[in-house]
Amino acid sequence: MGFTALSNHVNKEIVDAFKIVWDYLGRPGAWWTGTQRIAIAQQVRNSAPRPLWDRPPPLDTLSDEANGVLTFFELGVVERVTVQPSSINLETYQHIVQRMGQDKYAELASVVSQIVPIDHLHDSLGLGREELPTPIEGDITRERPDGLVAGVGFLPTLPAEGLPHVAVALSLALADNARRMLLVRAMYSGDSFAEMVWTHRSLSRPQVELVAARTSALNECFY
């Protein structure tokens, strides 16, 4: 099942995590249908960083008219989360959830955050991107976790309880956040997060942390 070319370049844990993400990507989620989730994934692939003189249109100028499966506004939000997440300040967030709702925004952002690292790894290795799965018909679940709290991030989340905020930032989209964190675990630490010396990676722990810190700084990803 999929990711055959990738299997020759990375360990099995990473490939298995990618397969799980792909298995659920086209299924109905909590607030988006399978067809809509694949449309979100396709818009991620259609989005590319723009040159400095070509800024994306302000979200408040985009209409709720359908442009295929998604609306112009929804497509704009996907692009913004994909290539300009640091531009989503509190004012922008409030505008998004006023029109879309917190739950749909959380799931949209969770889908984006799963597609981006998978595609980027393929690109970095010079491999063709995996074909998006076929959407599966069915009803959305309208799942919303109990015990949500405010104050961790813009969205309501499950309590951090000692976890890094990034681990619960999208926990409003419970199932997709779990798969997002599965990717984090597979691509970052495996089961060795608490270990200061890593022997299961080609890079040492200090080298991995240096790459992670530099990438976060370049992407203006701070928490």
N, C-alpha and C. Protein backbone atom coordinates (compact mmCIF):
# COMPACT_ATOMS: atom_id res chain seq x y z
N MET A 1 0.83 -1.21 0.00
CA MET A 1 0.00 0.00 0.00
C MET A 1 0.86 1.25 0.00
N GLY A 2 1.12 1.88 -1.12
CA GLY A 2 1.70 3.21 -1.21
C GLY A 2 3.08 3.37 -0.61
N PHE A 3 3.69 4.50 -0.93
CA PHE A 3 4.97 4.93 -0.38
C PHE A 3 6.09 3.92 -0.63
N THR A 4 6.00 3.20 -1.74
CA THR A 4 7.00 2.17 -2.05
C THR A 4 8.38 2.79 -2.25
N ALA A 5 8.44 3.87 -3.02
CA ALA A 5 9.74 4.51 -3.29
C ALA A 5 10.37 5.03 -2.01
N LEU A 6 9.54 5.55 -1.12
CA LEU A 6 10.05 6.11 0.13
C LEU A 6 10.65 5.04 1.02
N SER A 7 10.16 3.83 0.93
CA SER A 7 10.60 2.74 1.81
C SER A 7 12.09 2.47 1.68
N ASN A 8 12.69 2.83 0.57
CA ASN A 8 14.12 2.60 0.36
C ASN A 8 14.99 3.69 0.96
N HIS A 9 14.36 4.72 1.53
CA HIS A 9 15.14 5.88 1.98
C HIS A 9 14.99 6.18 3.47
N VAL A 10 13.90 5.79 4.09
CA VAL A 10 13.67 6.11 5.50
C VAL A 10 13.23 4.85 6.24
N ASN A 11 13.23 4.94 7.57
CA ASN A 11 12.91 3.74 8.34
C ASN A 11 11.42 3.41 8.29
N LYS A 12 11.10 2.21 8.70
CA LYS A 12 9.74 1.68 8.59
C LYS A 12 8.75 2.47 9.43
N GLU A 13 9.18 2.99 10.57
CA GLU A 13 8.27 3.74 11.44
C GLU A 13 7.70 4.96 10.71
N ILE A 14 8.53 5.63 9.94
CA ILE A 14 8.07 6.81 9.20
C ILE A 14 7.10 6.39 8.10
N VAL A 15 7.44 5.37 7.35
CA VAL A 15 6.56 4.90 6.27
C VAL A 15 5.22 4.45 6.83
N ASP A 16 5.24 3.73 7.94
CA ASP A 16 4.00 3.24 8.54
C ASP A 16 3.12 4.41 8.99
N ALA A 17 3.74 5.46 9.55
CA ALA A 17 2.97 6.63 9.97
C ALA A 17 2.33 7.32 8.77
N PHE A 18 3.08 7.42 7.68
CA PHE A 18 2.54 8.04 6.46
C PHE A 18 1.35 7.23 5.93
N LYS A 19 1.46 5.92 5.98
CA LYS A 19 0.36 5.08 5.49
C LYS A 19 -0.90 5.27 6.32
N ILE A 20 -0.74 5.43 7.62
CA ILE A 20 -1.91 5.65 8.49
C ILE A 20 -2.57 6.98 8.13
N VAL A 21 -1.78 8.02 7.95
CA VAL A 21 -2.33 9.32 7.56
C VAL A 21 -3.09 9.18 6.25
N TRP A 22 -2.50 8.53 5.28
CA TRP A 22 -3.13 8.38 3.95
C TRP A 22 -4.41 7.55 4.04
N ASP A 23 -4.42 6.57 4.92
CA ASP A 23 -5.59 5.71 5.06
C ASP A 23 -6.81 6.49 5.54
N TYR A 24 -6.58 7.50 6.36
CA TYR A 24 -7.69 8.28 6.92
C TYR A 24 -7.96 9.58 6.17
N LEU A 25 -7.04 9.99 5.31
CA LEU A 25 -7.14 11.30 4.69
C LEU A 25 -8.43 11.47 3.90
N GLY A 26 -8.82 10.46 3.14
CA GLY A 26 -10.01 10.57 2.30
C GLY A 26 -11.29 10.12 2.96
N ARG A 27 -11.22 9.76 4.23
CA ARG A 27 -12.43 9.36 4.95
C ARG A 27 -13.13 10.60 5.52
N PRO A 28 -14.43 10.51 5.77
CA PRO A 28 -15.10 11.63 6.43
C PRO A 28 -14.46 11.91 7.78
N GLY A 29 -14.25 13.19 8.07
CA GLY A 29 -13.70 13.56 9.35
C GLY A 29 -14.79 13.96 10.31
N ALA A 30 -14.43 14.78 11.28
CA ALA A 30 -15.42 15.26 12.24
C ALA A 30 -16.30 16.34 11.63
N TRP A 31 -15.69 17.21 10.78
CA TRP A 31 -16.44 18.37 10.27
C TRP A 31 -16.29 18.58 8.77
N TRP A 32 -15.45 17.80 8.11
CA TRP A 32 -15.29 17.87 6.66
C TRP A 32 -15.52 16.49 6.07
N THR A 33 -16.18 16.42 4.93
CA THR A 33 -16.39 15.13 4.25
C THR A 33 -15.08 14.64 3.65
N GLY A 34 -15.09 13.37 3.23
CA GLY A 34 -13.90 12.84 2.59
C GLY A 34 -13.52 13.62 1.34
N THR A 35 -14.52 14.00 0.55
CA THR A 35 -14.26 14.78 -0.66
C THR A 35 -13.67 16.14 -0.31
N GLN A 36 -14.17 16.77 0.72
CA GLN A 36 -13.64 18.07 1.14
C GLN A 36 -12.23 17.94 1.68
N ARG A 37 -11.95 16.88 2.42
CA ARG A 37 -10.60 16.69 2.97
C ARG A 37 -9.58 16.49 1.85
N ILE A 38 -9.95 15.76 0.81
CA ILE A 38 -9.03 15.60 -0.32
C ILE A 38 -8.87 16.93 -1.05
N ALA A 39 -9.93 17.72 -1.13
CA ALA A 39 -9.83 19.05 -1.76
C ALA A 39 -8.90 19.94 -0.95
N ILE A 40 -8.95 19.84 0.38
CA ILE A 40 -8.02 20.59 1.22
C ILE A 40 -6.59 20.16 0.92
N ALA A 41 -6.37 18.85 0.85
CA ALA A 41 -5.03 18.33 0.57
C ALA A 41 -4.53 18.80 -0.80
N GLN A 42 -5.42 18.82 -1.79
CA GLN A 42 -5.02 19.28 -3.12
C GLN A 42 -4.67 20.75 -3.10
N GLN A 43 -5.41 21.55 -2.33
CA GLN A 43 -5.09 22.98 -2.24
C GLN A 43 -3.76 23.20 -1.54
N VAL A 44 -3.42 22.34 -0.59
CA VAL A 44 -2.08 22.40 0.01
C VAL A 44 -1.03 22.27 -1.09
N ARG A 45 -1.23 21.32 -1.97
CA ARG A 45 -0.27 21.10 -3.06
C ARG A 45 -0.29 22.22 -4.09
N ASN A 46 -1.42 22.89 -4.21
CA ASN A 46 -1.51 24.01 -5.15
C ASN A 46 -0.89 25.29 -4.59
N SER A 47 -0.64 25.30 -3.29
CA SER A 47 -0.13 26.50 -2.62
C SER A 47 1.39 26.47 -2.58
N ALA A 48 1.99 27.56 -2.94
CA ALA A 48 3.45 27.67 -2.90
C ALA A 48 3.81 29.05 -2.34
N PRO A 49 4.94 29.15 -1.65
CA PRO A 49 5.34 30.46 -1.14
C PRO A 49 5.39 31.49 -2.25
N ARG A 50 4.83 32.65 -1.98
CA ARG A 50 4.80 33.72 -2.98
C ARG A 50 6.00 34.64 -2.81
N PRO A 51 6.45 35.29 -3.89
CA PRO A 51 7.51 36.30 -3.74
C PRO A 51 7.01 37.46 -2.89
N LEU A 52 7.93 38.23 -2.36
CA LEU A 52 7.57 39.29 -1.42
C LEU A 52 6.59 40.29 -2.02
N TRP A 53 6.66 40.50 -3.33
CA TRP A 53 5.78 41.49 -3.95
C TRP A 53 4.41 40.92 -4.31
N ASP A 54 4.20 39.66 -4.03
CA ASP A 54 2.92 39.02 -4.38
C ASP A 54 2.30 38.42 -3.13
N ARG A 55 1.60 39.22 -2.40
CA ARG A 55 0.97 38.77 -1.17
C ARG A 55 -0.38 38.11 -1.47
N PRO A 56 -0.77 37.09 -0.70
CA PRO A 56 -2.10 36.51 -0.91
C PRO A 56 -3.18 37.53 -0.59
N PRO A 57 -4.33 37.43 -1.23
CA PRO A 57 -5.39 38.40 -0.98
C PRO A 57 -5.86 38.33 0.47
N PRO A 58 -6.22 39.45 1.07
CA PRO A 58 -6.76 39.42 2.43
C PRO A 58 -7.97 38.48 2.49
N LEU A 59 -8.08 37.75 3.57
CA LEU A 59 -9.15 36.77 3.67
C LEU A 59 -10.53 37.42 3.64
N ASP A 60 -10.62 38.65 4.13
CA ASP A 60 -11.95 39.29 4.15
C ASP A 60 -12.41 39.73 2.77
N THR A 61 -11.54 39.58 1.76
CA THR A 61 -11.95 39.90 0.38
C THR A 61 -12.42 38.65 -0.37
N LEU A 62 -12.29 37.49 0.24
CA LEU A 62 -12.63 36.23 -0.42
C LEU A 62 -14.07 35.84 -0.09
N SER A 63 -14.79 35.38 -1.09
CA SER A 63 -16.22 35.12 -0.93
C SER A 63 -16.47 33.69 -0.45
N ASP A 64 -17.70 33.48 -0.01
CA ASP A 64 -18.15 32.15 0.40
C ASP A 64 -18.79 31.40 -0.77
N GLU A 65 -18.58 31.90 -1.96
CA GLU A 65 -19.07 31.22 -3.16
C GLU A 65 -18.20 30.00 -3.44
N ALA A 66 -18.82 28.92 -3.86
CA ALA A 66 -18.08 27.69 -4.13
C ALA A 66 -17.18 27.85 -5.35
N ASN A 67 -15.97 27.33 -5.23
CA ASN A 67 -15.04 27.26 -6.36
C ASN A 67 -14.60 25.81 -6.47
N GLY A 68 -15.50 24.97 -6.97
CA GLY A 68 -15.27 23.54 -6.93
C GLY A 68 -15.85 22.99 -5.63
N VAL A 69 -15.09 22.17 -4.95
CA VAL A 69 -15.56 21.55 -3.71
C VAL A 69 -15.57 22.55 -2.56
N LEU A 70 -14.56 23.39 -2.50
CA LEU A 70 -14.41 24.36 -1.42
C LEU A 70 -14.77 25.76 -1.90
N THR A 71 -15.02 26.66 -0.97
CA THR A 71 -15.29 28.05 -1.31
C THR A 71 -13.98 28.80 -1.52
N PHE A 72 -14.08 29.97 -2.13
CA PHE A 72 -12.89 30.81 -2.31
C PHE A 72 -12.26 31.12 -0.95
N PHE A 73 -13.09 31.38 0.05
CA PHE A 73 -12.58 31.68 1.38
C PHE A 73 -11.86 30.47 1.97
N GLU A 74 -12.45 29.31 1.88
CA GLU A 74 -11.83 28.10 2.43
C GLU A 74 -10.50 27.80 1.74
N LEU A 75 -10.46 27.98 0.43
CA LEU A 75 -9.21 27.79 -0.31
C LEU A 75 -8.15 28.78 0.16
N GLY A 76 -8.58 30.01 0.43
CA GLY A 76 -7.65 31.02 0.91
C GLY A 76 -7.10 30.69 2.28
N VAL A 77 -7.94 30.14 3.15
CA VAL A 77 -7.48 29.75 4.48
C VAL A 77 -6.47 28.61 4.38
N VAL A 78 -6.74 27.65 3.51
CA VAL A 78 -5.78 26.55 3.32
C VAL A 78 -4.43 27.10 2.86
N GLU A 79 -4.44 28.00 1.89
CA GLU A 79 -3.18 28.58 1.42
C GLU A 79 -2.47 29.31 2.56
N ARG A 80 -3.20 30.07 3.34
CA ARG A 80 -2.59 30.84 4.43
C ARG A 80 -1.96 29.91 5.46
N VAL A 81 -2.66 28.85 5.85
CA VAL A 81 -2.11 27.91 6.83
C VAL A 81 -0.91 27.17 6.25
N THR A 82 -0.93 26.89 4.96
CA THR A 82 0.14 26.13 4.32
C THR A 82 1.42 26.93 4.19
N VAL A 83 1.34 28.16 3.69
CA VAL A 83 2.56 28.89 3.35
C VAL A 83 2.79 30.16 4.15
N GLN A 84 1.80 30.61 4.92
CA GLN A 84 1.99 31.82 5.71
C GLN A 84 1.37 31.68 7.10
N PRO A 85 1.66 30.60 7.81
CA PRO A 85 1.01 30.42 9.12
C PRO A 85 1.36 31.51 10.12
N SER A 86 2.56 32.10 9.98
CA SER A 86 2.95 33.14 10.94
C SER A 86 2.13 34.40 10.79
N SER A 87 1.38 34.52 9.68
CA SER A 87 0.54 35.71 9.48
C SER A 87 -0.82 35.57 10.17
N ILE A 88 -1.10 34.41 10.73
CA ILE A 88 -2.40 34.20 11.38
C ILE A 88 -2.31 34.67 12.82
N ASN A 89 -2.55 35.96 12.99
CA ASN A 89 -2.58 36.53 14.34
C ASN A 89 -3.99 36.39 14.91
N LEU A 90 -4.20 36.96 16.09
CA LEU A 90 -5.50 36.80 16.74
C LEU A 90 -6.63 37.38 15.91
N GLU A 91 -6.39 38.52 15.29
CA GLU A 91 -7.42 39.15 14.46
C GLU A 91 -7.79 38.25 13.28
N THR A 92 -6.77 37.70 12.61
CA THR A 92 -7.03 36.81 11.48
C THR A 92 -7.75 35.55 11.92
N TYR A 93 -7.31 34.99 13.03
CA TYR A 93 -7.97 33.80 13.57
C TYR A 93 -9.44 34.07 13.86
N GLN A 94 -9.72 35.19 14.48
CA GLN A 94 -11.11 35.50 14.82
C GLN A 94 -11.96 35.64 13.57
N HIS A 95 -11.39 36.22 12.51
CA HIS A 95 -12.14 36.33 11.26
C HIS A 95 -12.41 34.95 10.67
N ILE A 96 -11.41 34.08 10.72
CA ILE A 96 -11.58 32.73 10.16
C ILE A 96 -12.69 31.98 10.89
N VAL A 97 -12.62 31.96 12.22
CA VAL A 97 -13.59 31.14 12.96
C VAL A 97 -14.97 31.77 12.98
N GLN A 98 -15.04 33.08 12.77
CA GLN A 98 -16.36 33.72 12.66
C GLN A 98 -17.09 33.19 11.43
N ARG A 99 -16.36 32.93 10.38
CA ARG A 99 -16.97 32.48 9.12
C ARG A 99 -16.99 30.95 8.98
N MET A 100 -16.04 30.29 9.58
CA MET A 100 -15.89 28.85 9.38
C MET A 100 -16.24 28.04 10.62
N GLY A 101 -16.02 28.61 11.79
CA GLY A 101 -16.20 27.88 13.03
C GLY A 101 -14.89 27.29 13.52
N GLN A 102 -14.77 27.15 14.83
CA GLN A 102 -13.53 26.64 15.42
C GLN A 102 -13.25 25.20 14.99
N ASP A 103 -14.28 24.37 14.97
CA ASP A 103 -14.08 22.94 14.71
C ASP A 103 -13.57 22.69 13.30
N LYS A 104 -14.18 23.35 12.32
CA LYS A 104 -13.76 23.15 10.93
C LYS A 104 -12.36 23.71 10.71
N TYR A 105 -12.05 24.83 11.36
CA TYR A 105 -10.71 25.40 11.22
C TYR A 105 -9.66 24.46 11.81
N ALA A 106 -9.95 23.90 12.99
CA ALA A 106 -8.99 22.99 13.62
C ALA A 106 -8.72 21.77 12.74
N GLU A 107 -9.77 21.21 12.17
CA GLU A 107 -9.58 20.04 11.31
C GLU A 107 -8.85 20.41 10.03
N LEU A 108 -9.19 21.54 9.44
CA LEU A 108 -8.50 22.01 8.24
C LEU A 108 -7.00 22.16 8.51
N ALA A 109 -6.66 22.84 9.61
CA ALA A 109 -5.25 23.06 9.94
C ALA A 109 -4.55 21.74 10.22
N SER A 110 -5.26 20.79 10.83
CA SER A 110 -4.67 19.49 11.12
C SER A 110 -4.37 18.72 9.84
N VAL A 111 -5.28 18.79 8.87
CA VAL A 111 -5.04 18.13 7.59
C VAL A 111 -3.83 18.76 6.90
N VAL A 112 -3.78 20.08 6.88
CA VAL A 112 -2.63 20.77 6.27
C VAL A 112 -1.33 20.32 6.92
N SER A 113 -1.32 20.26 8.25
CA SER A 113 -0.09 19.94 8.98
C SER A 113 0.35 18.49 8.79
N GLN A 114 -0.53 17.65 8.28
CA GLN A 114 -0.13 16.28 7.95
C GLN A 114 0.41 16.18 6.52
N ILE A 115 -0.17 16.93 5.60
CA ILE A 115 0.25 16.86 4.20
C ILE A 115 1.62 17.51 4.00
N VAL A 116 1.84 18.65 4.63
CA VAL A 116 3.06 19.42 4.38
C VAL A 116 4.33 18.62 4.66
N PRO A 117 4.51 18.01 5.84
CA PRO A 117 5.77 17.30 6.07
C PRO A 117 5.95 16.08 5.17
N ILE A 118 4.85 15.40 4.86
CA ILE A 118 4.95 14.22 3.98
C ILE A 118 5.41 14.64 2.58
N ASP A 119 4.79 15.69 2.05
CA ASP A 119 5.19 16.16 0.72
C ASP A 119 6.61 16.72 0.72
N HIS A 120 6.95 17.47 1.76
CA HIS A 120 8.28 18.08 1.80
C HIS A 120 9.37 17.01 1.88
N LEU A 121 9.11 15.93 2.60
CA LEU A 121 10.12 14.87 2.67
C LEU A 121 10.32 14.24 1.29
N HIS A 122 9.23 13.99 0.59
CA HIS A 122 9.36 13.46 -0.77
C HIS A 122 10.15 14.44 -1.66
N ASP A 123 9.81 15.72 -1.57
CA ASP A 123 10.51 16.72 -2.38
C ASP A 123 12.00 16.75 -2.06
N SER A 124 12.33 16.69 -0.76
CA SER A 124 13.73 16.77 -0.34
C SER A 124 14.55 15.59 -0.83
N LEU A 125 13.90 14.44 -0.95
CA LEU A 125 14.58 13.23 -1.41
C LEU A 125 14.53 13.06 -2.92
N GLY A 126 13.89 14.02 -3.60
CA GLY A 126 13.78 13.94 -5.05
C GLY A 126 12.82 12.87 -5.52
N LEU A 127 11.84 12.55 -4.70
CA LEU A 127 10.86 11.52 -5.04
C LEU A 127 9.54 12.16 -5.45
N GLY A 128 8.80 11.49 -6.31
CA GLY A 128 7.48 11.97 -6.67
C GLY A 128 6.54 11.88 -5.48
N ARG A 129 5.65 12.84 -5.36
CA ARG A 129 4.70 12.84 -4.25
C ARG A 129 3.69 11.70 -4.40
N GLU A 130 3.27 11.19 -3.27
CA GLU A 130 2.27 10.11 -3.27
C GLU A 130 0.94 10.63 -3.81
N GLU A 131 0.30 9.84 -4.63
CA GLU A 131 -1.01 10.22 -5.16
C GLU A 131 -2.03 10.31 -4.03
N LEU A 132 -2.85 11.34 -4.06
CA LEU A 132 -3.86 11.50 -3.02
C LEU A 132 -4.88 10.37 -3.11
N PRO A 133 -5.37 9.90 -1.97
CA PRO A 133 -6.34 8.80 -2.00
C PRO A 133 -7.69 9.22 -2.57
N THR A 134 -8.47 8.25 -2.95
CA THR A 134 -9.83 8.49 -3.44
C THR A 134 -10.74 8.78 -2.26
N PRO A 135 -11.56 9.82 -2.33
CA PRO A 135 -12.47 10.13 -1.21
C PRO A 135 -13.44 8.98 -0.95
N ILE A 136 -13.79 8.82 0.31
CA ILE A 136 -14.75 7.80 0.73
C ILE A 136 -16.02 8.50 1.18
N GLU A 137 -17.15 8.05 0.67
CA GLU A 137 -18.43 8.65 1.04
C GLU A 137 -18.77 8.31 2.49
N GLY A 138 -19.56 9.17 3.09
CA GLY A 138 -20.00 8.93 4.46
C GLY A 138 -20.31 10.24 5.16
N ASP A 139 -20.88 10.13 6.34
CA ASP A 139 -21.26 11.30 7.12
C ASP A 139 -20.14 11.73 8.03
N ILE A 140 -20.04 13.03 8.26
CA ILE A 140 -19.10 13.54 9.24
C ILE A 140 -19.56 13.13 10.64
N THR A 141 -18.61 13.05 11.58
CA THR A 141 -18.94 12.55 12.92
C THR A 141 -19.37 13.64 13.89
N ARG A 142 -19.01 14.89 13.59
CA ARG A 142 -19.29 16.03 14.48
C ARG A 142 -18.69 15.80 15.88
N GLU A 143 -17.57 15.13 15.92
CA GLU A 143 -16.89 14.87 17.18
C GLU A 143 -16.29 16.16 17.74
N ARG A 144 -16.52 16.40 19.01
CA ARG A 144 -15.91 17.52 19.71
C ARG A 144 -15.50 17.03 21.10
N PRO A 145 -14.23 17.11 21.44
CA PRO A 145 -13.77 16.54 22.71
C PRO A 145 -14.39 17.23 23.92
N ASP A 146 -14.53 16.49 25.00
CA ASP A 146 -14.93 17.07 26.28
C ASP A 146 -13.69 17.61 27.00
N GLY A 147 -13.91 18.46 27.98
CA GLY A 147 -12.82 18.94 28.82
C GLY A 147 -11.90 19.95 28.17
N LEU A 148 -12.40 20.68 27.18
CA LEU A 148 -11.57 21.68 26.50
C LEU A 148 -11.32 22.87 27.42
N VAL A 149 -10.16 23.49 27.25
CA VAL A 149 -9.80 24.67 28.03
C VAL A 149 -9.36 25.78 27.09
N ALA A 150 -9.37 26.99 27.60
CA ALA A 150 -8.90 28.16 26.84
C ALA A 150 -7.53 28.57 27.37
N GLY A 151 -6.78 29.29 26.53
CA GLY A 151 -5.54 29.90 26.99
C GLY A 151 -4.27 29.22 26.53
N VAL A 152 -4.35 28.01 25.99
CA VAL A 152 -3.14 27.36 25.47
C VAL A 152 -2.75 27.98 24.14
N GLY A 153 -3.73 28.17 23.27
CA GLY A 153 -3.54 28.82 21.98
C GLY A 153 -4.81 29.56 21.62
N PHE A 154 -4.95 29.95 20.38
CA PHE A 154 -6.17 30.63 19.96
C PHE A 154 -7.37 29.69 20.06
N LEU A 155 -7.22 28.47 19.58
CA LEU A 155 -8.30 27.49 19.63
C LEU A 155 -8.44 26.91 21.04
N PRO A 156 -9.65 26.51 21.43
CA PRO A 156 -9.77 25.72 22.66
C PRO A 156 -9.05 24.39 22.46
N THR A 157 -8.43 23.88 23.52
CA THR A 157 -7.64 22.66 23.43
C THR A 157 -7.90 21.78 24.64
N LEU A 158 -7.42 20.57 24.57
CA LEU A 158 -7.33 19.76 25.77
C LEU A 158 -6.25 20.35 26.68
N PRO A 159 -6.33 20.14 28.00
CA PRO A 159 -5.30 20.68 28.89
C PRO A 159 -3.91 20.17 28.51
N ALA A 160 -2.93 21.06 28.58
CA ALA A 160 -1.56 20.66 28.23
C ALA A 160 -0.99 19.68 29.25
N GLU A 161 -1.23 19.94 30.53
CA GLU A 161 -0.80 19.04 31.60
C GLU A 161 0.65 18.59 31.45
N GLY A 162 1.52 19.57 31.28
CA GLY A 162 2.94 19.28 31.19
C GLY A 162 3.45 18.97 29.80
N LEU A 163 2.55 18.76 28.84
CA LEU A 163 2.97 18.52 27.46
C LEU A 163 3.35 19.84 26.79
N PRO A 164 4.23 19.81 25.80
CA PRO A 164 4.47 21.02 25.01
C PRO A 164 3.16 21.49 24.37
N HIS A 165 2.98 22.79 24.31
CA HIS A 165 1.73 23.32 23.74
C HIS A 165 1.49 22.82 22.33
N VAL A 166 2.56 22.61 21.58
CA VAL A 166 2.40 22.16 20.19
C VAL A 166 1.70 20.81 20.13
N ALA A 167 1.80 20.01 21.20
CA ALA A 167 1.19 18.69 21.20
C ALA A 167 -0.32 18.74 21.29
N VAL A 168 -0.85 19.81 21.88
CA VAL A 168 -2.31 19.91 22.06
C VAL A 168 -2.92 21.06 21.26
N ALA A 169 -2.11 21.78 20.50
CA ALA A 169 -2.58 23.00 19.83
C ALA A 169 -3.79 22.75 18.94
N LEU A 170 -3.87 21.57 18.32
CA LEU A 170 -4.98 21.25 17.41
C LEU A 170 -5.83 20.10 17.95
N SER A 171 -5.81 19.91 19.27
CA SER A 171 -6.53 18.79 19.86
C SER A 171 -8.04 18.93 19.78
N LEU A 172 -8.55 20.10 19.39
CA LEU A 172 -9.97 20.22 19.10
C LEU A 172 -10.36 19.26 17.98
N ALA A 173 -9.44 19.05 17.03
CA ALA A 173 -9.61 18.04 15.97
C ALA A 173 -8.92 16.77 16.46
N LEU A 174 -9.59 16.07 17.34
CA LEU A 174 -8.94 15.04 18.16
C LEU A 174 -8.25 13.96 17.33
N ALA A 175 -8.97 13.35 16.40
CA ALA A 175 -8.40 12.23 15.63
C ALA A 175 -7.27 12.69 14.73
N ASP A 176 -7.46 13.82 14.05
CA ASP A 176 -6.41 14.30 13.16
C ASP A 176 -5.20 14.79 13.93
N ASN A 177 -5.41 15.36 15.11
CA ASN A 177 -4.28 15.79 15.92
C ASN A 177 -3.47 14.58 16.37
N ALA A 178 -4.14 13.47 16.68
CA ALA A 178 -3.42 12.25 17.06
C ALA A 178 -2.55 11.76 15.91
N ARG A 179 -3.07 11.82 14.70
CA ARG A 179 -2.26 11.39 13.54
C ARG A 179 -1.13 12.39 13.27
N ARG A 180 -1.39 13.67 13.49
CA ARG A 180 -0.33 14.67 13.35
C ARG A 180 0.81 14.38 14.32
N MET A 181 0.47 14.06 15.56
CA MET A 181 1.50 13.77 16.55
C MET A 181 2.19 12.43 16.27
N LEU A 182 1.48 11.51 15.62
CA LEU A 182 2.13 10.28 15.18
C LEU A 182 3.24 10.59 14.19
N LEU A 183 2.99 11.53 13.29
CA LEU A 183 4.03 11.97 12.35
C LEU A 183 5.20 12.61 13.09
N VAL A 184 4.89 13.46 14.06
CA VAL A 184 5.95 14.12 14.84
C VAL A 184 6.83 13.07 15.50
N ARG A 185 6.21 12.11 16.13
CA ARG A 185 6.96 11.06 16.82
C ARG A 185 7.83 10.28 15.83
N ALA A 186 7.24 9.87 14.72
CA ALA A 186 7.96 9.04 13.76
C ALA A 186 9.12 9.79 13.11
N MET A 187 8.90 11.07 12.77
CA MET A 187 9.90 11.83 12.03
C MET A 187 10.91 12.52 12.94
N TYR A 188 10.61 12.57 14.24
CA TYR A 188 11.48 13.32 15.15
C TYR A 188 12.20 12.38 16.12
N SER A 189 11.53 11.94 17.14
CA SER A 189 12.21 11.26 18.23
C SER A 189 11.97 9.77 18.31
N GLY A 190 10.95 9.26 17.61
CA GLY A 190 10.58 7.87 17.86
C GLY A 190 10.19 7.71 19.32
N ASP A 191 10.64 6.64 19.94
CA ASP A 191 10.32 6.43 21.36
C ASP A 191 11.44 6.90 22.26
N SER A 192 12.32 7.78 21.74
CA SER A 192 13.52 8.19 22.49
C SER A 192 13.52 9.66 22.86
N PHE A 193 12.33 10.26 23.01
CA PHE A 193 12.28 11.70 23.30
C PHE A 193 13.03 12.05 24.59
N ALA A 194 12.95 11.19 25.60
CA ALA A 194 13.57 11.48 26.89
C ALA A 194 15.07 11.17 26.90
N GLU A 195 15.57 10.56 25.84
CA GLU A 195 16.99 10.21 25.78
C GLU A 195 17.80 11.36 25.19
N MET A 196 18.93 11.65 25.83
CA MET A 196 19.79 12.73 25.33
C MET A 196 20.73 12.25 24.23
N VAL A 197 20.98 10.96 24.17
CA VAL A 197 21.84 10.39 23.13
C VAL A 197 20.99 9.46 22.27
N TRP A 198 20.96 9.76 20.97
CA TRP A 198 20.17 8.95 20.05
C TRP A 198 21.09 8.09 19.19
N THR A 199 20.72 6.85 19.04
CA THR A 199 21.46 5.95 18.15
C THR A 199 20.58 5.41 17.03
N HIS A 200 19.30 5.80 17.02
CA HIS A 200 18.36 5.26 16.03
C HIS A 200 18.19 6.19 14.83
N ARG A 201 18.93 7.30 14.80
CA ARG A 201 18.83 8.25 13.71
C ARG A 201 20.21 8.43 13.07
N SER A 202 20.23 8.84 11.82
CA SER A 202 21.50 9.14 11.15
C SER A 202 22.14 10.38 11.74
N LEU A 203 21.30 11.32 12.23
CA LEU A 203 21.80 12.52 12.90
C LEU A 203 21.76 12.30 14.41
N SER A 204 22.70 12.94 15.11
CA SER A 204 22.70 12.87 16.57
C SER A 204 21.60 13.76 17.13
N ARG A 205 21.32 13.64 18.41
CA ARG A 205 20.28 14.48 19.04
C ARG A 205 20.62 15.97 18.90
N PRO A 206 21.84 16.42 19.21
CA PRO A 206 22.14 17.85 19.02
C PRO A 206 21.96 18.31 17.57
N GLN A 207 22.33 17.47 16.61
CA GLN A 207 22.16 17.85 15.21
C GLN A 207 20.68 18.00 14.85
N VAL A 208 19.87 17.05 15.31
CA VAL A 208 18.43 17.12 15.05
C VAL A 208 17.83 18.37 15.67
N GLU A 209 18.21 18.68 16.91
CA GLU A 209 17.65 19.85 17.59
C GLU A 209 18.09 21.15 16.91
N LEU A 210 19.32 21.17 16.39
CA LEU A 210 19.78 22.35 15.67
C LEU A 210 18.96 22.57 14.41
N VAL A 211 18.73 21.50 13.65
CA VAL A 211 17.91 21.61 12.44
C VAL A 211 16.49 22.06 12.81
N ALA A 212 15.93 21.47 13.87
CA ALA A 212 14.57 21.81 14.28
C ALA A 212 14.47 23.27 14.71
N ALA A 213 15.45 23.73 15.49
CA ALA A 213 15.41 25.11 15.98
C ALA A 213 15.57 26.10 14.83
N ARG A 214 16.47 25.79 13.91
CA ARG A 214 16.69 26.70 12.78
C ARG A 214 15.46 26.74 11.87
N THR A 215 14.86 25.58 11.63
CA THR A 215 13.65 25.52 10.81
C THR A 215 12.52 26.32 11.46
N SER A 216 12.36 26.16 12.77
CA SER A 216 11.31 26.91 13.48
C SER A 216 11.55 28.41 13.37
N ALA A 217 12.80 28.83 13.52
CA ALA A 217 13.10 30.26 13.44
C ALA A 217 12.82 30.81 12.04
N LEU A 218 13.23 30.08 11.01
CA LEU A 218 12.99 30.53 9.64
C LEU A 218 11.50 30.61 9.32
N ASN A 219 10.72 29.71 9.90
CA ASN A 219 9.27 29.69 9.67
C ASN A 219 8.51 30.56 10.66
N GLU A 220 9.25 31.26 11.54
CA GLU A 220 8.64 32.09 12.58
C GLU A 220 7.63 31.28 13.39
N CYS A 221 8.05 30.08 13.75
CA CYS A 221 7.21 29.17 14.53
C CYS A 221 7.69 29.20 15.97
N PHE A 222 6.99 29.94 16.81
CA PHE A 222 7.39 30.10 18.21
C PHE A 222 6.22 29.72 19.11
N TYR A 223 6.50 29.07 20.20
CA TYR A 223 5.44 28.74 21.16
C TYR A 223 6.05 28.59 22.54
